[in-house]
Amino acid sequence: MANIKSAKKRILVINKKTEVNRSRKSEIKTYIKKFEAAVSDGNYEQAKEYLTICEKKLYQAAAKNTIHKNAASRKVSRLTQRLNKIA
C-alpha cells in the first residue's frame, strides 16, 4: 500500500478509470453479441443497425485510449465482413 499522499491519490484515480474502461468494454461486448445474434438469425437490417452502433462505440473507446485504435479498426473490419457475407 502506498504511503505517499500523491500515490494514494493516483490509486483512487486509477480505480475510477479502471471502472470506466471496464464499463466501456462491457458495453462494446454487449453490442457485438447483439450483432452476432442478429447475423445468426439472418436479420440484415437489425444487424446493420448494431454494426453502426458497434463502430461508433469502438472508435469512441479508441479515442479515449480504452482500446488501441488498430484493435478497434480490426474489430470493425471483421464485423463488416460478417455483415457483408449475409448480404
PDB file of N, CA and C in Angstrom:
ATOM      1  N   MET A   1       0.841  -1.190   0.000  1.00  0.00           N
ATOM      2  CA  MET A   1       0.000   0.000   0.000  1.00  0.00           C
ATOM      3  C   MET A   1       0.874   1.237   0.000  1.00  0.00           C
ATOM      4  N   ALA A   2       0.407   2.253  -0.698  1.00  0.00           N
ATOM      5  CA  ALA A   2       1.173   3.493  -0.827  1.00  0.00           C
ATOM      6  C   ALA A   2       1.151   4.279   0.481  1.00  0.00           C
ATOM      7  N   ASN A   3       2.277   4.930   0.786  1.00  0.00           N
ATOM      8  CA  ASN A   3       2.373   5.777   1.970  1.00  0.00           C
ATOM      9  C   ASN A   3       2.334   7.255   1.609  1.00  0.00           C
ATOM     10  N   ILE A   4       2.793   7.598   0.418  1.00  0.00           N
ATOM     11  CA  ILE A   4       2.862   8.990  -0.004  1.00  0.00           C
ATOM     12  C   ILE A   4       1.474   9.444  -0.467  1.00  0.00           C
ATOM     13  N   LYS A   5       1.127  10.684  -0.086  1.00  0.00           N
ATOM     14  CA  LYS A   5      -0.214  11.196  -0.348  1.00  0.00           C
ATOM     15  C   LYS A   5      -0.548  11.208  -1.842  1.00  0.00           C
ATOM     16  N   SER A   6       0.391  11.635  -2.674  1.00  0.00           N
ATOM     17  CA  SER A   6       0.130  11.700  -4.117  1.00  0.00           C
ATOM     18  C   SER A   6      -0.067  10.304  -4.698  1.00  0.00           C
ATOM     19  N   ALA A   7       0.647   9.330  -4.163  1.00  0.00           N
ATOM     20  CA  ALA A   7       0.489   7.947  -4.639  1.00  0.00           C
ATOM     21  C   ALA A   7      -0.894   7.417  -4.268  1.00  0.00           C
ATOM     22  N   LYS A   8      -1.384   7.781  -3.088  1.00  0.00           N
ATOM     23  CA  LYS A   8      -2.731   7.372  -2.673  1.00  0.00           C
ATOM     24  C   LYS A   8      -3.777   7.984  -3.596  1.00  0.00           C
ATOM     25  N   LYS A   9      -3.571   9.247  -3.975  1.00  0.00           N
ATOM     26  CA  LYS A   9      -4.493   9.913  -4.888  1.00  0.00           C
ATOM     27  C   LYS A   9      -4.494   9.213  -6.250  1.00  0.00           C
ATOM     28  N   ARG A  10      -3.312   8.850  -6.734  1.00  0.00           N
ATOM     29  CA  ARG A  10      -3.206   8.181  -8.022  1.00  0.00           C
ATOM     30  C   ARG A  10      -3.955   6.843  -8.003  1.00  0.00           C
ATOM     31  N   ILE A  11      -3.879   6.144  -6.888  1.00  0.00           N
ATOM     32  CA  ILE A  11      -4.593   4.866  -6.762  1.00  0.00           C
ATOM     33  C   ILE A  11      -6.095   5.087  -6.916  1.00  0.00           C
ATOM     34  N   LEU A  12      -6.607   6.144  -6.300  1.00  0.00           N
ATOM     35  CA  LEU A  12      -8.033   6.448  -6.415  1.00  0.00           C
ATOM     36  C   LEU A  12      -8.411   6.776  -7.860  1.00  0.00           C
ATOM     37  N   VAL A  13      -7.571   7.570  -8.534  1.00  0.00           N
ATOM     38  CA  VAL A  13      -7.840   7.949  -9.926  1.00  0.00           C
ATOM     39  C   VAL A  13      -7.807   6.720 -10.830  1.00  0.00           C
ATOM     40  N   ILE A  14      -6.812   5.860 -10.621  1.00  0.00           N
ATOM     41  CA  ILE A  14      -6.681   4.644 -11.430  1.00  0.00           C
ATOM     42  C   ILE A  14      -7.905   3.750 -11.251  1.00  0.00           C
ATOM     43  N   ASN A  15      -8.391   3.638 -10.011  1.00  0.00           N
ATOM     44  CA  ASN A  15      -9.573   2.813  -9.767  1.00  0.00           C
ATOM     45  C   ASN A  15     -10.793   3.342 -10.514  1.00  0.00           C
ATOM     46  N   LYS A  16     -10.953   4.673 -10.533  1.00  0.00           N
ATOM     47  CA  LYS A  16     -12.073   5.270 -11.268  1.00  0.00           C
ATOM     48  C   LYS A  16     -11.941   5.006 -12.765  1.00  0.00           C
ATOM     49  N   LYS A  17     -10.740   5.205 -13.299  1.00  0.00           N
ATOM     50  CA  LYS A  17     -10.516   4.994 -14.724  1.00  0.00           C
ATOM     51  C   LYS A  17     -10.722   3.532 -15.108  1.00  0.00           C
ATOM     52  N   THR A  18     -10.302   2.630 -14.223  1.00  0.00           N
ATOM     53  CA  THR A  18     -10.469   1.203 -14.474  1.00  0.00           C
ATOM     54  C   THR A  18     -11.949   0.854 -14.594  1.00  0.00           C
ATOM     55  N   GLU A  19     -12.768   1.420 -13.702  1.00  0.00           N
ATOM     56  CA  GLU A  19     -14.205   1.171 -13.750  1.00  0.00           C
ATOM     57  C   GLU A  19     -14.824   1.691 -15.042  1.00  0.00           C
ATOM     58  N   VAL A  20     -14.416   2.887 -15.467  1.00  0.00           N
ATOM     59  CA  VAL A  20     -14.941   3.473 -16.700  1.00  0.00           C
ATOM     60  C   VAL A  20     -14.553   2.606 -17.893  1.00  0.00           C
ATOM     61  N   ASN A  21     -13.284   2.198 -17.937  1.00  0.00           N
ATOM     62  CA  ASN A  21     -12.812   1.361 -19.046  1.00  0.00           C
ATOM     63  C   ASN A  21     -13.532   0.021 -19.071  1.00  0.00           C
ATOM     64  N   ARG A  22     -13.730  -0.556 -17.903  1.00  0.00           N
ATOM     65  CA  ARG A  22     -14.422  -1.843 -17.810  1.00  0.00           C
ATOM     66  C   ARG A  22     -15.854  -1.703 -18.319  1.00  0.00           C
ATOM     67  N   SER A  23     -16.488  -0.598 -17.954  1.00  0.00           N
ATOM     68  CA  SER A  23     -17.857  -0.337 -18.401  1.00  0.00           C
ATOM     69  C   SER A  23     -17.919  -0.196 -19.922  1.00  0.00           C
ATOM     70  N   ARG A  24     -16.986   0.562 -20.489  1.00  0.00           N
ATOM     71  CA  ARG A  24     -16.951   0.749 -21.947  1.00  0.00           C
ATOM     72  C   ARG A  24     -16.757  -0.574 -22.671  1.00  0.00           C
ATOM     73  N   LYS A  25     -15.800  -1.371 -22.204  1.00  0.00           N
ATOM     74  CA  LYS A  25     -15.529  -2.660 -22.849  1.00  0.00           C
ATOM     75  C   LYS A  25     -16.741  -3.583 -22.761  1.00  0.00           C
ATOM     76  N   SER A  26     -17.395  -3.574 -21.610  1.00  0.00           N
ATOM     77  CA  SER A  26     -18.567  -4.416 -21.412  1.00  0.00           C
ATOM     78  C   SER A  26     -19.688  -4.006 -22.365  1.00  0.00           C
ATOM     79  N   GLU A  27     -19.883  -2.703 -22.527  1.00  0.00           N
ATOM     80  CA  GLU A  27     -20.918  -2.199 -23.431  1.00  0.00           C
ATOM     81  C   GLU A  27     -20.628  -2.620 -24.869  1.00  0.00           C
ATOM     82  N   ILE A  28     -19.368  -2.519 -25.269  1.00  0.00           N
ATOM     83  CA  ILE A  28     -18.972  -2.918 -26.622  1.00  0.00           C
ATOM     84  C   ILE A  28     -19.238  -4.406 -26.833  1.00  0.00           C
ATOM     85  N   LYS A  29     -18.857  -5.220 -25.858  1.00  0.00           N
ATOM     86  CA  LYS A  29     -19.067  -6.662 -25.972  1.00  0.00           C
ATOM     87  C   LYS A  29     -20.551  -6.996 -26.085  1.00  0.00           C
ATOM     88  N   THR A  30     -21.384  -6.263 -25.336  1.00  0.00           N
ATOM     89  CA  THR A  30     -22.824  -6.498 -25.380  1.00  0.00           C
ATOM     90  C   THR A  30     -23.373  -6.223 -26.771  1.00  0.00           C
ATOM     91  N   TYR A  31     -22.971  -5.089 -27.357  1.00  0.00           N
ATOM     92  CA  TYR A  31     -23.464  -4.760 -28.699  1.00  0.00           C
ATOM     93  C   TYR A  31     -22.936  -5.731 -29.745  1.00  0.00           C
ATOM     94  N   ILE A  32     -21.703  -6.205 -29.581  1.00  0.00           N
ATOM     95  CA  ILE A  32     -21.161  -7.190 -30.523  1.00  0.00           C
ATOM     96  C   ILE A  32     -21.959  -8.493 -30.435  1.00  0.00           C
ATOM     97  N   LYS A  33     -22.340  -8.889 -29.216  1.00  0.00           N
ATOM     98  CA  LYS A  33     -23.142 -10.098 -29.053  1.00  0.00           C
ATOM     99  C   LYS A  33     -24.509  -9.941 -29.706  1.00  0.00           C
ATOM    100  N   LYS A  34     -25.100  -8.748 -29.562  1.00  0.00           N
ATOM    101  CA  LYS A  34     -26.393  -8.492 -30.204  1.00  0.00           C
ATOM    102  C   LYS A  34     -26.249  -8.532 -31.727  1.00  0.00           C
ATOM    103  N   PHE A  35     -25.141  -7.981 -32.225  1.00  0.00           N
ATOM    104  CA  PHE A  35     -24.865  -8.017 -33.661  1.00  0.00           C
ATOM    105  C   PHE A  35     -24.742  -9.460 -34.138  1.00  0.00           C
ATOM    106  N   GLU A  36     -23.967 -10.252 -33.415  1.00  0.00           N
ATOM    107  CA  GLU A  36     -23.764 -11.660 -33.777  1.00  0.00           C
ATOM    108  C   GLU A  36     -25.094 -12.420 -33.776  1.00  0.00           C
ATOM    109  N   ALA A  37     -25.948 -12.123 -32.805  1.00  0.00           N
ATOM    110  CA  ALA A  37     -27.255 -12.789 -32.741  1.00  0.00           C
ATOM    111  C   ALA A  37     -28.105 -12.410 -33.950  1.00  0.00           C
ATOM    112  N   ALA A  38     -28.067 -11.147 -34.325  1.00  0.00           N
ATOM    113  CA  ALA A  38     -28.837 -10.694 -35.488  1.00  0.00           C
ATOM    114  C   ALA A  38     -28.316 -11.334 -36.768  1.00  0.00           C
ATOM    115  N   VAL A  39     -26.995 -11.469 -36.875  1.00  0.00           N
ATOM    116  CA  VAL A  39     -26.397 -12.100 -38.054  1.00  0.00           C
ATOM    117  C   VAL A  39     -26.789 -13.574 -38.119  1.00  0.00           C
ATOM    118  N   SER A  40     -26.723 -14.254 -36.988  1.00  0.00           N
ATOM    119  CA  SER A  40     -27.050 -15.684 -36.979  1.00  0.00           C
ATOM    120  C   SER A  40     -28.531 -15.921 -37.291  1.00  0.00           C
ATOM    121  N   ASP A  41     -29.401 -14.949 -36.916  1.00  0.00           N
ATOM    122  CA  ASP A  41     -30.819 -15.064 -37.251  1.00  0.00           C
ATOM    123  C   ASP A  41     -31.095 -14.676 -38.695  1.00  0.00           C
ATOM    124  N   GLY A  42     -30.103 -14.057 -39.349  1.00  0.00           N
ATOM    125  CA  GLY A  42     -30.281 -13.624 -40.727  1.00  0.00           C
ATOM    126  C   GLY A  42     -31.030 -12.305 -40.846  1.00  0.00           C
ATOM    127  N   ASN A  43     -31.144 -11.579 -39.754  1.00  0.00           N
ATOM    128  CA  ASN A  43     -31.849 -10.297 -39.744  1.00  0.00           C
ATOM    129  C   ASN A  43     -30.874  -9.200 -40.170  1.00  0.00           C
ATOM    130  N   TYR A  44     -30.858  -8.899 -41.467  1.00  0.00           N
ATOM    131  CA  TYR A  44     -29.867  -7.978 -42.045  1.00  0.00           C
ATOM    132  C   TYR A  44     -30.025  -6.551 -41.533  1.00  0.00           C
ATOM    133  N   GLU A  45     -31.264  -6.060 -41.489  1.00  0.00           N
ATOM    134  CA  GLU A  45     -31.496  -4.659 -41.089  1.00  0.00           C
ATOM    135  C   GLU A  45     -31.075  -4.412 -39.643  1.00  0.00           C
ATOM    136  N   GLN A  46     -31.446  -5.318 -38.772  1.00  0.00           N
ATOM    137  CA  GLN A  46     -31.087  -5.165 -37.358  1.00  0.00           C
ATOM    138  C   GLN A  46     -29.580  -5.290 -37.175  1.00  0.00           C
ATOM    139  N   ALA A  47     -28.955  -6.201 -37.902  1.00  0.00           N
ATOM    140  CA  ALA A  47     -27.502  -6.366 -37.832  1.00  0.00           C
ATOM    141  C   ALA A  47     -26.799  -5.108 -38.311  1.00  0.00           C
ATOM    142  N   LYS A  48     -27.347  -4.492 -39.338  1.00  0.00           N
ATOM    143  CA  LYS A  48     -26.773  -3.259 -39.874  1.00  0.00           C
ATOM    144  C   LYS A  48     -26.820  -2.135 -38.828  1.00  0.00           C
ATOM    145  N   GLU A  49     -27.947  -2.041 -38.104  1.00  0.00           N
ATOM    146  CA  GLU A  49     -28.079  -1.040 -37.041  1.00  0.00           C
ATOM    147  C   GLU A  49     -27.049  -1.285 -35.935  1.00  0.00           C
ATOM    148  N   TYR A  50     -26.935  -2.545 -35.529  1.00  0.00           N
ATOM    149  CA  TYR A  50     -25.972  -2.874 -34.474  1.00  0.00           C
ATOM    150  C   TYR A  50     -24.532  -2.635 -34.928  1.00  0.00           C
ATOM    151  N   LEU A  51     -24.270  -2.833 -36.209  1.00  0.00           N
ATOM    152  CA  LEU A  51     -22.922  -2.582 -36.718  1.00  0.00           C
ATOM    153  C   LEU A  51     -22.564  -1.108 -36.588  1.00  0.00           C
ATOM    154  N   THR A  52     -23.493  -0.218 -36.914  1.00  0.00           N
ATOM    155  CA  THR A  52     -23.201   1.213 -36.798  1.00  0.00           C
ATOM    156  C   THR A  52     -22.976   1.601 -35.333  1.00  0.00           C
ATOM    157  N   ILE A  53     -23.752   1.004 -34.435  1.00  0.00           N
ATOM    158  CA  ILE A  53     -23.572   1.281 -33.003  1.00  0.00           C
ATOM    159  C   ILE A  53     -22.216   0.762 -32.544  1.00  0.00           C
ATOM    160  N   CYS A  54     -21.879  -0.471 -32.939  1.00  0.00           N
ATOM    161  CA  CYS A  54     -20.590  -1.068 -32.559  1.00  0.00           C
ATOM    162  C   CYS A  54     -19.429  -0.224 -33.070  1.00  0.00           C
ATOM    163  N   GLU A  55     -19.540   0.207 -34.312  1.00  0.00           N
ATOM    164  CA  GLU A  55     -18.477   1.006 -34.916  1.00  0.00           C
ATOM    165  C   GLU A  55     -18.272   2.297 -34.131  1.00  0.00           C
ATOM    166  N   LYS A  56     -19.361   2.965 -33.808  1.00  0.00           N
ATOM    167  CA  LYS A  56     -19.282   4.218 -33.047  1.00  0.00           C
ATOM    168  C   LYS A  56     -18.653   3.983 -31.677  1.00  0.00           C
ATOM    169  N   LYS A  57     -19.123   2.958 -30.970  1.00  0.00           N
ATOM    170  CA  LYS A  57     -18.615   2.673 -29.620  1.00  0.00           C
ATOM    171  C   LYS A  57     -17.137   2.288 -29.654  1.00  0.00           C
ATOM    172  N   LEU A  58     -16.738   1.490 -30.651  1.00  0.00           N
ATOM    173  CA  LEU A  58     -15.342   1.070 -30.751  1.00  0.00           C
ATOM    174  C   LEU A  58     -14.419   2.258 -31.008  1.00  0.00           C
ATOM    175  N   TYR A  59     -14.820   3.131 -31.925  1.00  0.00           N
ATOM    176  CA  TYR A  59     -13.976   4.287 -32.225  1.00  0.00           C
ATOM    177  C   TYR A  59     -13.935   5.279 -31.065  1.00  0.00           C
ATOM    178  N   GLN A  60     -15.041   5.386 -30.317  1.00  0.00           N
ATOM    179  CA  GLN A  60     -15.031   6.237 -29.128  1.00  0.00           C
ATOM    180  C   GLN A  60     -14.081   5.677 -28.077  1.00  0.00           C
ATOM    181  N   ALA A  61     -14.112   4.367 -27.883  1.00  0.00           N
ATOM    182  CA  ALA A  61     -13.221   3.733 -26.910  1.00  0.00           C
ATOM    183  C   ALA A  61     -11.766   3.901 -27.325  1.00  0.00           C
ATOM    184  N   ALA A  62     -11.505   3.836 -28.628  1.00  0.00           N
ATOM    185  CA  ALA A  62     -10.137   4.029 -29.117  1.00  0.00           C
ATOM    186  C   ALA A  62      -9.693   5.472 -28.890  1.00  0.00           C
ATOM    187  N   ALA A  63     -10.606   6.417 -29.081  1.00  0.00           N
ATOM    188  CA  ALA A  63     -10.264   7.828 -28.870  1.00  0.00           C
ATOM    189  C   ALA A  63      -9.955   8.120 -27.404  1.00  0.00           C
ATOM    190  N   LYS A  64     -10.605   7.381 -26.510  1.00  0.00           N
ATOM    191  CA  LYS A  64     -10.392   7.571 -25.073  1.00  0.00           C
ATOM    192  C   LYS A  64      -9.287   6.666 -24.521  1.00  0.00           C
ATOM    193  N   ASN A  65      -8.581   5.971 -25.417  1.00  0.00           N
ATOM    194  CA  ASN A  65      -7.477   5.077 -25.044  1.00  0.00           C
ATOM    195  C   ASN A  65      -7.911   3.895 -24.176  1.00  0.00           C
ATOM    196  N   THR A  66      -9.163   3.489 -24.310  1.00  0.00           N
ATOM    197  CA  THR A  66      -9.610   2.278 -23.627  1.00  0.00           C
ATOM    198  C   THR A  66      -9.074   1.059 -24.364  1.00  0.00           C
ATOM    199  N   ILE A  67      -9.149   1.104 -25.695  1.00  0.00           N
ATOM    200  CA  ILE A  67      -8.538   0.078 -26.531  1.00  0.00           C
ATOM    201  C   ILE A  67      -7.681   0.772 -27.582  1.00  0.00           C
ATOM    202  N   HIS A  68      -6.801   0.019 -28.196  1.00  0.00           N
ATOM    203  CA  HIS A  68      -5.910   0.587 -29.213  1.00  0.00           C
ATOM    204  C   HIS A  68      -6.700   0.856 -30.488  1.00  0.00           C
ATOM    205  N   LYS A  69      -6.331   1.899 -31.207  1.00  0.00           N
ATOM    206  CA  LYS A  69      -7.085   2.277 -32.414  1.00  0.00           C
ATOM    207  C   LYS A  69      -7.025   1.196 -33.480  1.00  0.00           C
ATOM    208  N   ASN A  70      -5.904   0.499 -33.581  1.00  0.00           N
ATOM    209  CA  ASN A  70      -5.807  -0.585 -34.566  1.00  0.00           C
ATOM    210  C   ASN A  70      -6.711  -1.756 -34.186  1.00  0.00           C
ATOM    211  N   ALA A  71      -6.840  -2.011 -32.895  1.00  0.00           N
ATOM    212  CA  ALA A  71      -7.732  -3.077 -32.432  1.00  0.00           C
ATOM    213  C   ALA A  71      -9.176  -2.725 -32.767  1.00  0.00           C
ATOM    214  N   ALA A  72      -9.535  -1.456 -32.574  1.00  0.00           N
ATOM    215  CA  ALA A  72     -10.892  -1.013 -32.907  1.00  0.00           C
ATOM    216  C   ALA A  72     -11.148  -1.171 -34.401  1.00  0.00           C
ATOM    217  N   SER A  73     -10.186  -0.742 -35.212  1.00  0.00           N
ATOM    218  CA  SER A  73     -10.334  -0.849 -36.666  1.00  0.00           C
ATOM    219  C   SER A  73     -10.445  -2.305 -37.100  1.00  0.00           C
ATOM    220  N   ARG A  74      -9.654  -3.166 -36.498  1.00  0.00           N
ATOM    221  CA  ARG A  74      -9.680  -4.588 -36.833  1.00  0.00           C
ATOM    222  C   ARG A  74     -11.048  -5.192 -36.506  1.00  0.00           C
ATOM    223  N   LYS A  75     -11.595  -4.848 -35.334  1.00  0.00           N
ATOM    224  CA  LYS A  75     -12.894  -5.393 -34.950  1.00  0.00           C
ATOM    225  C   LYS A  75     -13.998  -4.896 -35.865  1.00  0.00           C
ATOM    226  N   VAL A  76     -13.956  -3.604 -36.212  1.00  0.00           N
ATOM    227  CA  VAL A  76     -14.961  -3.048 -37.118  1.00  0.00           C
ATOM    228  C   VAL A  76     -14.871  -3.735 -38.474  1.00  0.00           C
ATOM    229  N   SER A  77     -13.652  -3.954 -38.949  1.00  0.00           N
ATOM    230  CA  SER A  77     -13.446  -4.599 -40.237  1.00  0.00           C
ATOM    231  C   SER A  77     -14.021  -6.010 -40.239  1.00  0.00           C
ATOM    232  N   ARG A  78     -13.764  -6.755 -39.186  1.00  0.00           N
ATOM    233  CA  ARG A  78     -14.247  -8.136 -39.113  1.00  0.00           C
ATOM    234  C   ARG A  78     -15.770  -8.200 -39.007  1.00  0.00           C
ATOM    235  N   LEU A  79     -16.344  -7.259 -38.242  1.00  0.00           N
ATOM    236  CA  LEU A  79     -17.800  -7.224 -38.133  1.00  0.00           C
ATOM    237  C   LEU A  79     -18.436  -6.864 -39.482  1.00  0.00           C
ATOM    238  N   THR A  80     -17.814  -5.938 -40.191  1.00  0.00           N
ATOM    239  CA  THR A  80     -18.322  -5.539 -41.505  1.00  0.00           C
ATOM    240  C   THR A  80     -18.263  -6.704 -42.481  1.00  0.00           C
ATOM    241  N   GLN A  81     -17.181  -7.460 -42.422  1.00  0.00           N
ATOM    242  CA  GLN A  81     -17.068  -8.648 -43.283  1.00  0.00           C
ATOM    243  C   GLN A  81     -18.161  -9.652 -42.978  1.00  0.00           C
ATOM    244  N   ARG A  82     -18.469  -9.839 -41.691  1.00  0.00           N
ATOM    245  CA  ARG A  82     -19.536 -10.766 -41.298  1.00  0.00           C
ATOM    246  C   ARG A  82     -20.881 -10.309 -41.865  1.00  0.00           C
ATOM    247  N   LEU A  83     -21.125  -8.982 -41.803  1.00  0.00           N
ATOM    248  CA  LEU A  83     -22.375  -8.439 -42.325  1.00  0.00           C
ATOM    249  C   LEU A  83     -22.462  -8.599 -43.834  1.00  0.00           C
ATOM    250  N   ASN A  84     -21.359  -8.360 -44.524  1.00  0.00           N
ATOM    251  CA  ASN A  84     -21.351  -8.457 -45.986  1.00  0.00           C
ATOM    252  C   ASN A  84     -21.563  -9.891 -46.473  1.00  0.00           C
ATOM    253  N   LYS A  85     -21.207 -10.879 -45.661  1.00  0.00           N
ATOM    254  CA  LYS A  85     -21.398 -12.270 -46.052  1.00  0.00           C
ATOM    255  C   LYS A  85     -22.884 -12.641 -46.132  1.00  0.00           C
ATOM    256  N   ILE A  86     -23.685 -12.048 -45.237  1.00  0.00           N
ATOM    257  CA  ILE A  86     -25.121 -12.393 -45.257  1.00  0.00           C
ATOM    258  C   ILE A  86     -25.906 -11.514 -46.219  1.00  0.00           C
ATOM    259  N   ALA A  87     -25.253 -10.459 -46.743  1.00  0.00           N
ATOM    260  CA  ALA A  87     -25.960  -9.535 -47.645  1.00  0.00           C
ATOM    261  C   ALA A  87     -26.211 -10.177 -49.000  1.00  0.00           C
TER     262      ALA A  87
END
